[in-house]
Amino acid sequence: MSYTYLSSRRDGLVERLTLNRPDVRNAFNAQVITELTAWTGETRGAAARGDIRVAVIAGAGTMFCAGADVAWMAQTITYTEAENIRDATAMSRMFAAIDELPLPVIGRIQGAALGGGAGLAAVCDIVVAGEETVFGFTETKLGILPAVISPFALAKIGRSAARELFLTGARFSAARAREIGLVHKVVPAGELDAAVDGYVAELLTAGPEAIAAAKALIPLVWGRSTEEATAVTAAAIAARRVSKEGQEGLRAFLEKRKPNWIEDTEERTKDTKV
């Protein structure tokens, strides 16, 4: 599929997506939301076929994402409450679709991630940020609130940090973002790509089905007591142990050899370099 405001390229088993509206700091509008939603559908299909195993989301230019497009926000002033609900629901479904992708999603964050941009960082499984990057749940500064992104942000930063940052709308540093769990690694801007590629390489050594199952397990277990989680976790590990991939991984470990998914990765990487 061709996009107007996104650019994507396949790098072996890695899908690299770029928000491509640098003239407006890669801000969201209705079309960007539609395109990101469509991209998640295509990515889910490619992952199911085994064509890709990791996705990386970045922003073109000097900024990752500034949140909502000013022109789009101007349009919403005239919306009815029903139209606003429709608009917000589409955005919520977009974030949920990214959040639920059955493969690891890495966020490559530079410059700033504000409002919805911070929400996009929140739905990435792993976030690498340049040390100069500024974050903010800035909606209250506009008299609104970070409602749509709140389920995803709260899952990352927790209630205490949300009480401070949602209410004040204050901007905060990449170091602070790492402290509260929104970011996982902070590096100098010139080292962003190397840090992202380091995570990609690590992820490609793990079983792709196991990664998908581990990602799906987290929301199932989160918030349950140990007793409540026991049936879920026992079933999850039992399913993996008898699965084809699980059997291959365990046998490879016992036989002191590489599992077939690593051999496949090496072969695919070799093919892309020819």
Protein backbone atom coordinates (compact mmCIF):
# COMPACT_ATOMS: atom_id res chain seq x y z
CA MET A 1 0.00 0.00 0.00
CA SER A 2 1.22 3.50 -0.79
CA TYR A 3 0.99 6.20 1.87
CA THR A 4 0.84 9.97 1.78
CA TYR A 5 2.22 10.73 5.23
CA LEU A 6 4.15 7.57 6.04
CA SER A 7 7.14 5.93 4.43
CA SER A 8 8.04 2.31 4.99
CA ARG A 9 10.79 0.01 3.85
CA ARG A 10 11.61 -3.61 4.45
CA ASP A 11 15.11 -4.33 5.74
CA GLY A 12 15.36 -8.11 5.76
CA LEU A 13 13.09 -9.19 8.62
CA VAL A 14 12.69 -5.64 9.90
CA GLU A 15 9.90 -3.24 8.91
CA ARG A 16 11.03 0.38 9.23
CA LEU A 17 8.22 2.92 9.33
CA THR A 18 8.73 6.69 9.32
CA LEU A 19 6.19 9.38 10.08
CA ASN A 20 6.83 11.59 7.08
CA ARG A 21 5.42 15.07 7.70
CA PRO A 22 8.54 16.94 8.82
CA ASP A 23 7.07 20.30 7.75
CA VAL A 24 4.49 19.99 10.57
CA ARG A 25 6.74 18.04 12.95
CA ASN A 26 5.10 14.74 11.98
CA ALA A 27 1.86 15.73 13.67
CA PHE A 28 -1.27 13.61 13.59
CA ASN A 29 -4.33 14.34 11.49
CA ALA A 30 -7.20 12.14 10.34
CA GLN A 31 -5.23 10.87 7.34
CA VAL A 32 -2.19 9.93 9.43
CA ILE A 33 -4.47 7.97 11.76
CA THR A 34 -6.07 6.18 8.81
CA GLU A 35 -2.68 5.34 7.33
CA LEU A 36 -1.19 4.12 10.62
CA THR A 37 -4.24 1.92 11.15
CA ALA A 38 -3.84 0.46 7.66
CA TRP A 39 -0.12 -0.06 8.27
CA THR A 40 -0.81 -2.11 11.39
CA GLY A 41 -3.09 -4.38 9.37
CA GLU A 42 -0.43 -4.93 6.73
CA THR A 43 2.25 -5.44 9.36
CA ARG A 44 0.14 -7.99 11.22
CA GLY A 45 -0.31 -9.93 7.99
CA ALA A 46 3.41 -9.80 7.17
CA ALA A 47 4.26 -11.00 10.67
CA ALA A 48 1.82 -13.93 10.34
CA ARG A 49 3.53 -14.95 7.09
CA GLY A 50 6.96 -14.74 8.74
CA ASP A 51 8.05 -11.94 6.42
CA ILE A 52 8.94 -9.57 9.26
CA ARG A 53 9.84 -10.05 12.91
CA VAL A 54 10.53 -6.54 14.21
CA ALA A 55 9.06 -3.10 13.45
CA VAL A 56 10.79 0.22 14.04
CA ILE A 57 8.83 3.50 14.14
CA ALA A 58 10.68 6.78 13.60
CA GLY A 59 9.96 10.36 12.63
CA ALA A 60 11.40 12.28 9.67
CA GLY A 61 13.38 15.43 10.29
CA THR A 62 14.28 16.85 13.67
CA MET A 63 11.24 15.70 15.67
CA PHE A 64 9.54 12.36 16.29
CA CYS A 65 5.97 13.65 16.65
CA ALA A 66 4.50 16.90 17.98
CA GLY A 67 1.05 15.46 18.67
CA ALA A 68 -2.01 16.83 16.88
CA ASP A 69 -1.79 18.92 13.73
CA VAL A 70 -2.79 22.55 14.37
CA ALA A 71 -5.03 22.60 11.28
CA TRP A 72 -6.73 19.39 12.43
CA MET A 73 -7.26 20.80 15.92
CA ALA A 74 -8.81 23.90 14.36
CA GLN A 75 -11.33 21.68 12.55
CA THR A 76 -12.32 19.89 15.77
CA ILE A 77 -13.42 23.17 17.34
CA THR A 78 -16.46 23.03 15.06
CA TYR A 79 -17.18 19.32 15.66
CA THR A 80 -20.24 18.19 17.56
CA GLU A 81 -19.75 15.95 20.57
CA ALA A 82 -20.74 12.94 18.44
CA GLU A 83 -18.18 13.89 15.77
CA ASN A 84 -15.51 14.26 18.44
CA ILE A 85 -16.35 10.81 19.81
CA ARG A 86 -16.03 9.32 16.33
CA ASP A 87 -12.69 11.10 15.82
CA ALA A 88 -11.28 10.06 19.19
CA THR A 89 -12.47 6.47 18.77
CA ALA A 90 -10.57 6.16 15.48
CA MET A 91 -7.40 7.40 17.16
CA SER A 92 -7.87 5.07 20.13
CA ARG A 93 -8.29 2.10 17.80
CA MET A 94 -5.10 3.09 15.98
CA PHE A 95 -3.07 3.13 19.21
CA ALA A 96 -4.63 -0.18 20.28
CA ALA A 97 -3.78 -1.77 16.92
CA ILE A 98 -0.12 -0.79 17.29
CA ASP A 99 -0.09 -1.85 20.94
CA GLU A 100 -1.44 -5.29 20.05
CA LEU A 101 0.82 -6.07 17.09
CA PRO A 102 2.15 -9.62 17.58
CA LEU A 103 5.77 -8.58 17.10
CA PRO A 104 8.12 -6.20 18.93
CA VAL A 105 7.80 -2.52 18.03
CA ILE A 106 10.77 -0.23 18.68
CA GLY A 107 10.33 3.53 18.92
CA ARG A 108 13.25 5.62 17.66
CA ILE A 109 12.57 9.00 19.30
CA GLN A 110 14.38 12.26 18.57
CA GLY A 111 13.66 15.93 19.15
CA ALA A 112 10.28 15.76 20.87
CA ALA A 113 7.34 13.44 21.49
CA LEU A 114 4.42 15.53 22.70
CA GLY A 115 0.75 14.71 23.31
CA GLY A 116 -0.17 11.97 20.88
CA GLY A 117 3.53 11.62 20.06
CA ALA A 118 4.16 10.61 23.67
CA GLY A 119 1.19 8.25 23.30
CA LEU A 120 2.83 6.70 20.25
CA ALA A 121 6.00 6.17 22.29
CA ALA A 122 3.87 4.50 24.96
CA VAL A 123 2.58 1.81 22.57
CA CYS A 124 6.08 0.90 21.44
CA ASP A 125 7.48 -2.12 23.27
CA ILE A 126 10.99 -0.71 23.39
CA VAL A 127 11.79 3.00 23.22
CA VAL A 128 15.20 4.48 22.44
CA ALA A 129 15.48 8.26 22.77
CA GLY A 130 18.13 10.82 21.98
CA GLU A 131 19.33 12.49 25.16
CA GLU A 132 18.06 15.90 23.97
CA THR A 133 14.51 14.62 23.40
CA VAL A 134 11.64 16.38 25.19
CA PHE A 135 8.45 14.56 26.16
CA GLY A 136 5.13 15.85 27.40
CA PHE A 137 1.49 14.95 27.95
CA THR A 138 0.73 18.56 27.12
CA GLU A 139 -3.02 18.42 26.51
CA THR A 140 -4.07 20.30 29.67
CA LYS A 141 -2.12 23.31 28.41
CA LEU A 142 -4.79 23.48 25.67
CA GLY A 143 -7.70 22.98 28.05
CA ILE A 144 -8.21 19.36 27.01
CA LEU A 145 -6.78 16.12 28.40
CA PRO A 146 -4.73 13.07 27.36
CA ALA A 147 -7.78 10.85 27.35
CA VAL A 148 -7.21 8.68 24.28
CA ILE A 149 -3.60 7.90 25.12
CA SER A 150 -4.23 7.44 28.85
CA PRO A 151 -4.68 3.62 28.90
CA PHE A 152 -1.39 3.14 27.07
CA ALA A 153 0.53 5.81 28.96
CA LEU A 154 -0.71 4.61 32.35
CA ALA A 155 0.40 1.07 31.52
CA LYS A 156 3.91 2.44 30.96
CA ILE A 157 4.38 5.19 33.56
CA GLY A 158 1.93 4.27 36.35
CA ARG A 159 -0.54 6.37 38.31
CA SER A 160 1.91 8.44 40.35
CA ALA A 161 3.83 9.82 37.38
CA ALA A 162 0.56 10.33 35.50
CA ARG A 163 -0.83 12.44 38.35
CA GLU A 164 2.10 14.80 38.01
CA LEU A 165 2.54 14.83 34.24
CA PHE A 166 -1.07 14.56 33.01
CA LEU A 167 -2.20 17.34 35.33
CA THR A 168 0.64 19.81 34.83
CA GLY A 169 1.09 19.17 31.11
CA ALA A 170 4.75 19.91 31.77
CA ARG A 171 7.47 18.91 29.36
CA PHE A 172 10.14 16.56 30.70
CA SER A 173 13.50 15.21 29.66
CA ALA A 174 14.47 11.90 28.14
CA ALA A 175 16.21 11.06 31.41
CA ARG A 176 12.95 11.64 33.31
CA ALA A 177 11.08 9.58 30.69
CA ARG A 178 13.46 6.73 31.37
CA GLU A 179 12.96 7.03 35.13
CA ILE A 180 9.20 6.56 34.78
CA GLY A 181 9.38 3.75 32.21
CA LEU A 182 8.28 5.58 29.07
CA VAL A 183 11.78 5.23 27.60
CA HIS A 184 14.13 2.27 27.97
CA LYS A 185 17.42 3.66 26.68
CA VAL A 186 18.76 7.21 26.33
CA VAL A 187 21.74 7.83 24.05
CA PRO A 188 23.45 10.75 22.28
CA ALA A 189 21.60 11.66 19.08
CA GLY A 190 24.38 10.28 16.91
CA GLU A 191 24.04 6.86 18.53
CA LEU A 192 20.28 6.42 18.05
CA ASP A 193 20.47 4.12 15.05
CA ALA A 194 23.18 1.95 16.60
CA ALA A 195 21.14 1.57 19.79
CA VAL A 196 18.01 0.66 17.82
CA ASP A 197 19.94 -1.85 15.72
CA GLY A 198 21.35 -3.38 18.90
CA TYR A 199 17.82 -4.10 20.10
CA VAL A 200 16.84 -5.42 16.66
CA ALA A 201 19.76 -7.85 16.70
CA GLU A 202 18.83 -9.04 20.19
CA LEU A 203 15.18 -9.57 19.26
CA LEU A 204 16.09 -11.58 16.17
CA THR A 205 17.83 -14.18 18.35
CA ALA A 206 14.55 -14.98 20.16
CA GLY A 207 11.76 -17.18 18.83
CA PRO A 208 9.23 -15.02 16.95
CA GLU A 209 6.23 -17.00 18.21
CA ALA A 210 7.61 -16.87 21.75
CA ILE A 211 7.97 -13.09 21.51
CA ALA A 212 4.38 -12.74 20.32
CA ALA A 213 3.17 -15.02 23.13
CA ALA A 214 5.23 -13.13 25.74
CA LYS A 215 3.82 -9.81 24.54
CA ALA A 216 0.26 -11.15 24.71
CA LEU A 217 0.89 -12.60 28.18
CA ILE A 218 1.80 -9.27 29.81
CA PRO A 219 -1.70 -7.70 29.74
CA LEU A 220 -3.26 -11.02 30.71
CA VAL A 221 -1.16 -11.31 33.87
CA TRP A 222 -0.93 -7.61 34.79
CA GLY A 223 -3.11 -6.74 37.76
CA ARG A 224 -3.98 -10.36 38.65
CA SER A 225 -2.98 -11.97 41.91
CA THR A 226 -0.51 -14.85 41.72
CA GLU A 227 -3.34 -17.26 42.42
CA GLU A 228 -5.49 -15.78 39.65
CA ALA A 229 -2.59 -15.80 37.21
CA THR A 230 -1.57 -19.41 37.84
CA ALA A 231 -3.99 -20.98 35.36
CA VAL A 232 -3.04 -18.43 32.69
CA THR A 233 0.71 -18.79 33.16
CA ALA A 234 0.64 -22.60 33.42
CA ALA A 235 -1.36 -22.86 30.20
CA ALA A 236 0.94 -20.37 28.48
CA ILE A 237 4.18 -22.20 29.27
CA ALA A 238 2.64 -25.60 28.54
CA ALA A 239 1.52 -24.39 25.10
CA ARG A 240 5.01 -23.11 24.31
CA ARG A 241 6.75 -26.29 25.49
CA VAL A 242 4.72 -28.50 23.18
CA SER A 243 4.80 -26.06 20.25
CA LYS A 244 7.01 -26.70 17.24
CA GLU A 245 9.06 -23.59 17.95
CA GLY A 246 9.37 -24.38 21.65
CA GLN A 247 10.51 -27.93 20.90
CA GLU A 248 13.07 -26.61 18.41
CA GLY A 249 14.43 -24.06 20.87
CA LEU A 250 14.77 -26.56 23.71
CA ARG A 251 16.40 -29.19 21.47
CA ALA A 252 18.80 -26.61 20.02
CA PHE A 253 19.84 -25.60 23.54
CA LEU A 254 20.40 -29.21 24.62
CA GLU A 255 22.25 -30.03 21.38
CA LYS A 256 24.36 -26.84 21.66
CA ARG A 257 23.38 -25.52 18.25
CA LYS A 258 21.55 -22.49 16.88
CA PRO A 259 17.76 -22.80 16.64
CA ASN A 260 16.34 -22.67 13.13
CA TRP A 261 14.97 -19.13 13.51
CA ILE A 262 18.50 -17.78 14.02
CA GLU A 263 19.72 -19.71 10.98
CA ASP A 264 16.80 -18.24 9.01
CA THR A 265 17.69 -14.75 10.22
CA GLU A 266 21.30 -15.18 9.15
CA GLU A 267 20.22 -16.49 5.76
CA ARG A 268 17.76 -13.63 5.20
CA THR A 269 20.36 -11.08 6.29
CA LYS A 270 22.89 -12.60 3.90
CA ASP A 271 20.37 -12.38 1.05
CA THR A 272 19.73 -8.66 1.65
CA LYS A 273 23.47 -7.92 1.49
CA VAL A 274 24.03 -9.71 -1.83
